[in-house]
Amino acid sequence: MSDEVTIHRVRPDEAHALVPALAALLVDCVEGGASVSFLAPLAPARAERFWQTVADGVAAGERALLVAESADGQLVGTVQLLLGLPENQPHRADVAKMLVHRRARRRGIAGRLLAALDETARAEGRRVLVLDTVTGGDAERLYARAGWQRVGEVPHYALMPDGTPCGTTFFYRHLPD
């Protein structure tokens, strides 16, 4: 895999075509121990159903989907901005499913996805971003380094892929105009 990675926002007309690659990425992350809403083993068909729903949300304008692709066209990372929030929250969005393939980690891809996410949020008129992540994990440190504000932790909020309970830490970020 090349070290060159490009990040772009997925257009509604291309989201469904990326489902198999996104599903493979999700399976890899769950197999690697990422607590991202799924238990192991994650069947590829289950992962594809999830990403079909995401692609439908992209087509409906309810989600922004960003992907990181290597120079040879392999999908190595993704993150989502959930835009379909209640009418009293038009200024904010939730961040979901920050995933980087295990073979592509420690190369700054997650940080670049976050920067692209900020730009996407600004373009969508969103200035308050919220996310949650496993307490004590690499992602928690990434968000803190990137300037996200820690709100607090809920012990035993979710399960790791092996079924072990884990705490979840919540963060927010205010984007300047």
C-alpha atoms as a PDB file:
ATOM      1  CA  MET A   1       0.000   0.000   0.000  1.00  0.00           C
ATOM      2  CA  SER A   2       1.250   3.444  -0.905  1.00  0.00           C
ATOM      3  CA  ASP A   3       1.717   6.071   1.810  1.00  0.00           C
ATOM      4  CA  GLU A   4      -0.254   8.598  -0.254  1.00  0.00           C
ATOM      5  CA  VAL A   5      -3.847   8.865   0.941  1.00  0.00           C
ATOM      6  CA  THR A   6      -6.627  11.084  -0.374  1.00  0.00           C
ATOM      7  CA  ILE A   7      -9.719  12.003   1.570  1.00  0.00           C
ATOM      8  CA  HIS A   8     -12.982  13.005  -0.015  1.00  0.00           C
ATOM      9  CA  ARG A   9     -16.655  13.351   0.713  1.00  0.00           C
ATOM     10  CA  VAL A  10     -18.686  10.590  -0.900  1.00  0.00           C
ATOM     11  CA  ARG A  11     -21.322  11.823  -3.326  1.00  0.00           C
ATOM     12  CA  PRO A  12     -24.822  10.384  -2.984  1.00  0.00           C
ATOM     13  CA  ASP A  13     -24.513   8.708  -6.385  1.00  0.00           C
ATOM     14  CA  GLU A  14     -21.347   6.818  -5.355  1.00  0.00           C
ATOM     15  CA  ALA A  15     -22.207   5.758  -1.791  1.00  0.00           C
ATOM     16  CA  HIS A  16     -23.833   2.412  -2.651  1.00  0.00           C
ATOM     17  CA  ALA A  17     -20.875   1.363  -4.811  1.00  0.00           C
ATOM     18  CA  LEU A  18     -18.566   1.697  -1.787  1.00  0.00           C
ATOM     19  CA  VAL A  19     -20.634  -0.612   0.443  1.00  0.00           C
ATOM     20  CA  PRO A  20     -18.480  -3.758  -0.045  1.00  0.00           C
ATOM     21  CA  ALA A  21     -15.232  -1.879   0.703  1.00  0.00           C
ATOM     22  CA  LEU A  22     -16.771  -0.108   3.700  1.00  0.00           C
ATOM     23  CA  ALA A  23     -18.082  -3.435   5.003  1.00  0.00           C
ATOM     24  CA  ALA A  24     -14.618  -4.999   4.715  1.00  0.00           C
ATOM     25  CA  LEU A  25     -13.159  -2.027   6.610  1.00  0.00           C
ATOM     26  CA  LEU A  26     -15.740  -2.388   9.376  1.00  0.00           C
ATOM     27  CA  VAL A  27     -15.113  -6.135   9.681  1.00  0.00           C
ATOM     28  CA  ASP A  28     -11.363  -5.486   9.939  1.00  0.00           C
ATOM     29  CA  CYS A  29     -11.856  -2.916  12.709  1.00  0.00           C
ATOM     30  CA  VAL A  30     -14.201  -5.147  14.711  1.00  0.00           C
ATOM     31  CA  GLU A  31     -11.789  -8.076  14.315  1.00  0.00           C
ATOM     32  CA  GLY A  32      -9.078  -5.742  15.614  1.00  0.00           C
ATOM     33  CA  GLY A  33     -11.069  -5.013  18.769  1.00  0.00           C
ATOM     34  CA  ALA A  34     -12.709  -1.684  17.927  1.00  0.00           C
ATOM     35  CA  SER A  35     -15.885  -0.976  19.874  1.00  0.00           C
ATOM     36  CA  VAL A  36     -17.962   0.506  17.058  1.00  0.00           C
ATOM     37  CA  SER A  37     -21.436  -0.900  17.815  1.00  0.00           C
ATOM     38  CA  PHE A  38     -20.826  -4.473  16.644  1.00  0.00           C
ATOM     39  CA  LEU A  39     -19.832  -7.714  18.358  1.00  0.00           C
ATOM     40  CA  ALA A  40     -17.344 -10.210  16.936  1.00  0.00           C
ATOM     41  CA  PRO A  41     -17.423 -12.091  14.793  1.00  0.00           C
ATOM     42  CA  LEU A  42     -19.062  -9.592  12.447  1.00  0.00           C
ATOM     43  CA  ALA A  43     -20.427 -11.314   9.360  1.00  0.00           C
ATOM     44  CA  PRO A  44     -19.694  -9.447   6.121  1.00  0.00           C
ATOM     45  CA  ALA A  45     -23.405  -9.567   5.205  1.00  0.00           C
ATOM     46  CA  ARG A  46     -24.284  -7.807   8.495  1.00  0.00           C
ATOM     47  CA  ALA A  47     -21.631  -5.174   7.834  1.00  0.00           C
ATOM     48  CA  GLU A  48     -22.976  -4.655   4.307  1.00  0.00           C
ATOM     49  CA  ARG A  49     -26.516  -4.172   5.620  1.00  0.00           C
ATOM     50  CA  PHE A  50     -25.219  -1.486   7.971  1.00  0.00           C
ATOM     51  CA  TRP A  51     -23.414   0.335   5.159  1.00  0.00           C
ATOM     52  CA  GLN A  52     -26.452   0.073   2.856  1.00  0.00           C
ATOM     53  CA  THR A  53     -28.368   2.003   5.520  1.00  0.00           C
ATOM     54  CA  VAL A  54     -25.557   4.558   5.695  1.00  0.00           C
ATOM     55  CA  ALA A  55     -25.560   4.909   1.889  1.00  0.00           C
ATOM     56  CA  ASP A  56     -29.326   5.474   1.995  1.00  0.00           C
ATOM     57  CA  GLY A  57     -28.730   8.207   4.585  1.00  0.00           C
ATOM     58  CA  VAL A  58     -26.097   9.837   2.363  1.00  0.00           C
ATOM     59  CA  ALA A  59     -28.560   9.788  -0.554  1.00  0.00           C
ATOM     60  CA  ALA A  60     -31.236  11.369   1.673  1.00  0.00           C
ATOM     61  CA  GLY A  61     -28.858  14.125   2.851  1.00  0.00           C
ATOM     62  CA  GLU A  62     -29.004  12.871   6.441  1.00  0.00           C
ATOM     63  CA  ARG A  63     -25.306  11.922   6.600  1.00  0.00           C
ATOM     64  CA  ALA A  64     -22.014  13.082   5.183  1.00  0.00           C
ATOM     65  CA  LEU A  65     -19.635  10.198   4.530  1.00  0.00           C
ATOM     66  CA  LEU A  66     -15.907  10.798   4.193  1.00  0.00           C
ATOM     67  CA  VAL A  67     -13.449   8.172   3.018  1.00  0.00           C
ATOM     68  CA  ALA A  68      -9.672   7.868   2.894  1.00  0.00           C
ATOM     69  CA  GLU A  69      -8.278   5.982  -0.089  1.00  0.00           C
ATOM     70  CA  SER A  70      -4.728   4.890  -0.777  1.00  0.00           C
ATOM     71  CA  ALA A  71      -3.037   5.697  -4.078  1.00  0.00           C
ATOM     72  CA  ASP A  72      -3.857   2.196  -5.311  1.00  0.00           C
ATOM     73  CA  GLY A  73      -7.581   2.779  -4.656  1.00  0.00           C
ATOM     74  CA  GLN A  74      -7.959   0.815  -1.415  1.00  0.00           C
ATOM     75  CA  LEU A  75     -10.357   2.239   1.122  1.00  0.00           C
ATOM     76  CA  VAL A  76      -8.330   2.651   4.338  1.00  0.00           C
ATOM     77  CA  GLY A  77     -10.492   4.901   6.489  1.00  0.00           C
ATOM     78  CA  THR A  78     -13.847   6.553   6.950  1.00  0.00           C
ATOM     79  CA  VAL A  79     -15.884   8.805   9.232  1.00  0.00           C
ATOM     80  CA  GLN A  80     -19.438  10.111   9.169  1.00  0.00           C
ATOM     81  CA  LEU A  81     -21.179  13.328  10.090  1.00  0.00           C
ATOM     82  CA  LEU A  82     -24.784  12.707  11.144  1.00  0.00           C
ATOM     83  CA  LEU A  83     -26.829  15.642   9.901  1.00  0.00           C
ATOM     84  CA  GLY A  84     -30.393  14.380  10.321  1.00  0.00           C
ATOM     85  CA  LEU A  85     -30.973  15.804  13.794  1.00  0.00           C
ATOM     86  CA  PRO A  86     -34.093  17.339  15.374  1.00  0.00           C
ATOM     87  CA  GLU A  87     -35.204  20.733  14.087  1.00  0.00           C
ATOM     88  CA  ASN A  88     -34.013  22.526  17.222  1.00  0.00           C
ATOM     89  CA  GLN A  89     -30.430  21.429  16.494  1.00  0.00           C
ATOM     90  CA  PRO A  90     -29.671  22.707  12.981  1.00  0.00           C
ATOM     91  CA  HIS A  91     -26.312  24.033  14.168  1.00  0.00           C
ATOM     92  CA  ARG A  92     -24.812  20.712  15.281  1.00  0.00           C
ATOM     93  CA  ALA A  93     -23.935  17.228  14.073  1.00  0.00           C
ATOM     94  CA  ASP A  94     -22.832  13.922  15.560  1.00  0.00           C
ATOM     95  CA  VAL A  95     -19.612  12.232  14.497  1.00  0.00           C
ATOM     96  CA  ALA A  96     -19.815   8.483  13.946  1.00  0.00           C
ATOM     97  CA  LYS A  97     -17.797   5.451  12.877  1.00  0.00           C
ATOM     98  CA  MET A  98     -14.260   6.796  12.702  1.00  0.00           C
ATOM     99  CA  LEU A  99     -12.547   3.731  11.239  1.00  0.00           C
ATOM    100  CA  VAL A 100      -9.000   3.202   9.987  1.00  0.00           C
ATOM    101  CA  HIS A 101      -7.899  -0.173   8.648  1.00  0.00           C
ATOM    102  CA  ARG A 102      -5.359  -1.882  10.910  1.00  0.00           C
ATOM    103  CA  ARG A 103      -2.737  -1.962   8.156  1.00  0.00           C
ATOM    104  CA  ALA A 104      -3.027   1.816   7.687  1.00  0.00           C
ATOM    105  CA  ARG A 105      -2.885   3.021  11.287  1.00  0.00           C
ATOM    106  CA  ARG A 106      -0.240   5.307  12.769  1.00  0.00           C
ATOM    107  CA  ARG A 107       0.022   7.292   9.526  1.00  0.00           C
ATOM    108  CA  GLY A 108      -2.077  10.335  10.451  1.00  0.00           C
ATOM    109  CA  ILE A 109      -5.159   9.194   8.526  1.00  0.00           C
ATOM    110  CA  ALA A 110      -7.550   9.666  11.463  1.00  0.00           C
ATOM    111  CA  GLY A 111      -6.245  13.188  12.038  1.00  0.00           C
ATOM    112  CA  ARG A 112      -6.722  14.028   8.371  1.00  0.00           C
ATOM    113  CA  LEU A 113     -10.234  12.581   8.452  1.00  0.00           C
ATOM    114  CA  LEU A 114     -11.006  14.818  11.454  1.00  0.00           C
ATOM    115  CA  ALA A 115      -9.716  17.902   9.634  1.00  0.00           C
ATOM    116  CA  ALA A 116     -11.836  17.055   6.587  1.00  0.00           C
ATOM    117  CA  LEU A 117     -14.779  16.446   8.897  1.00  0.00           C
ATOM    118  CA  ASP A 118     -14.417  19.960  10.327  1.00  0.00           C
ATOM    119  CA  GLU A 119     -14.497  21.428   6.813  1.00  0.00           C
ATOM    120  CA  THR A 120     -17.540  19.347   5.908  1.00  0.00           C
ATOM    121  CA  ALA A 121     -19.330  20.457   9.072  1.00  0.00           C
ATOM    122  CA  ARG A 122     -18.596  24.108   8.288  1.00  0.00           C
ATOM    123  CA  ALA A 123     -19.890  23.646   4.735  1.00  0.00           C
ATOM    124  CA  GLU A 124     -23.086  22.182   6.194  1.00  0.00           C
ATOM    125  CA  GLY A 125     -23.467  25.096   8.625  1.00  0.00           C
ATOM    126  CA  ARG A 126     -22.706  22.933  11.659  1.00  0.00           C
ATOM    127  CA  ARG A 127     -20.625  24.511  14.406  1.00  0.00           C
ATOM    128  CA  VAL A 128     -21.107  22.110  17.334  1.00  0.00           C
ATOM    129  CA  LEU A 129     -19.874  18.546  16.919  1.00  0.00           C
ATOM    130  CA  VAL A 130     -20.386  15.706  19.398  1.00  0.00           C
ATOM    131  CA  LEU A 131     -18.903  12.209  19.559  1.00  0.00           C
ATOM    132  CA  ASP A 132     -18.261   9.312  21.881  1.00  0.00           C
ATOM    133  CA  THR A 133     -15.425   6.828  22.058  1.00  0.00           C
ATOM    134  CA  VAL A 134     -14.074   4.004  24.192  1.00  0.00           C
ATOM    135  CA  THR A 135     -12.573   5.326  27.403  1.00  0.00           C
ATOM    136  CA  GLY A 136      -8.809   4.855  27.522  1.00  0.00           C
ATOM    137  CA  GLY A 137      -8.423   3.937  23.853  1.00  0.00           C
ATOM    138  CA  ASP A 138      -6.232   5.429  21.149  1.00  0.00           C
ATOM    139  CA  ALA A 139      -9.166   7.401  19.749  1.00  0.00           C
ATOM    140  CA  GLU A 140      -9.729   9.162  23.076  1.00  0.00           C
ATOM    141  CA  ARG A 141      -6.157  10.442  22.969  1.00  0.00           C
ATOM    142  CA  LEU A 142      -6.538  11.442  19.301  1.00  0.00           C
ATOM    143  CA  TYR A 143      -9.620  13.566  20.009  1.00  0.00           C
ATOM    144  CA  ALA A 144      -8.016  15.252  23.011  1.00  0.00           C
ATOM    145  CA  ARG A 145      -4.898  16.087  20.941  1.00  0.00           C
ATOM    146  CA  ALA A 146      -7.121  17.458  18.162  1.00  0.00           C
ATOM    147  CA  GLY A 147      -8.708  19.966  20.547  1.00  0.00           C
ATOM    148  CA  TRP A 148     -11.963  18.212  21.363  1.00  0.00           C
ATOM    149  CA  GLN A 149     -13.340  18.944  24.834  1.00  0.00           C
ATOM    150  CA  ARG A 150     -13.942  15.972  27.114  1.00  0.00           C
ATOM    151  CA  VAL A 151     -17.381  16.074  28.727  1.00  0.00           C
ATOM    152  CA  GLY A 152     -17.279  12.941  30.815  1.00  0.00           C
ATOM    153  CA  GLU A 153     -17.399   9.184  30.996  1.00  0.00           C
ATOM    154  CA  VAL A 154     -20.205   6.680  31.392  1.00  0.00           C
ATOM    155  CA  PRO A 155     -18.870   3.393  32.815  1.00  0.00           C
ATOM    156  CA  HIS A 156     -20.142   0.160  31.232  1.00  0.00           C
ATOM    157  CA  TYR A 157     -21.860   2.141  28.447  1.00  0.00           C
ATOM    158  CA  ALA A 158     -21.129  -0.344  25.659  1.00  0.00           C
ATOM    159  CA  LEU A 159     -19.487  -3.661  24.926  1.00  0.00           C
ATOM    160  CA  MET A 160     -16.197  -4.404  23.242  1.00  0.00           C
ATOM    161  CA  PRO A 161     -16.426  -6.816  20.291  1.00  0.00           C
ATOM    162  CA  ASP A 162     -15.678  -9.728  22.637  1.00  0.00           C
ATOM    163  CA  GLY A 163     -18.619  -8.757  24.883  1.00  0.00           C
ATOM    164  CA  THR A 164     -16.559  -7.181  27.675  1.00  0.00           C
ATOM    165  CA  PRO A 165     -18.169  -4.001  29.086  1.00  0.00           C
ATOM    166  CA  CYS A 166     -16.336  -0.744  28.429  1.00  0.00           C
ATOM    167  CA  GLY A 167     -16.699   2.858  29.437  1.00  0.00           C
ATOM    168  CA  THR A 168     -17.499   5.545  26.890  1.00  0.00           C
ATOM    169  CA  THR A 169     -16.136   9.075  26.930  1.00  0.00           C
ATOM    170  CA  PHE A 170     -18.111  11.912  25.355  1.00  0.00           C
ATOM    171  CA  PHE A 171     -16.501  14.869  23.581  1.00  0.00           C
ATOM    172  CA  TYR A 172     -17.659  18.038  21.854  1.00  0.00           C
ATOM    173  CA  ARG A 173     -16.036  20.606  19.612  1.00  0.00           C
ATOM    174  CA  HIS A 174     -17.129  24.143  18.725  1.00  0.00           C
ATOM    175  CA  LEU A 175     -15.973  25.117  15.268  1.00  0.00           C
ATOM    176  CA  PRO A 176     -15.078  28.774  14.721  1.00  0.00           C
ATOM    177  CA  ASP A 177     -16.898  30.622  11.961  1.00  0.00           C
END
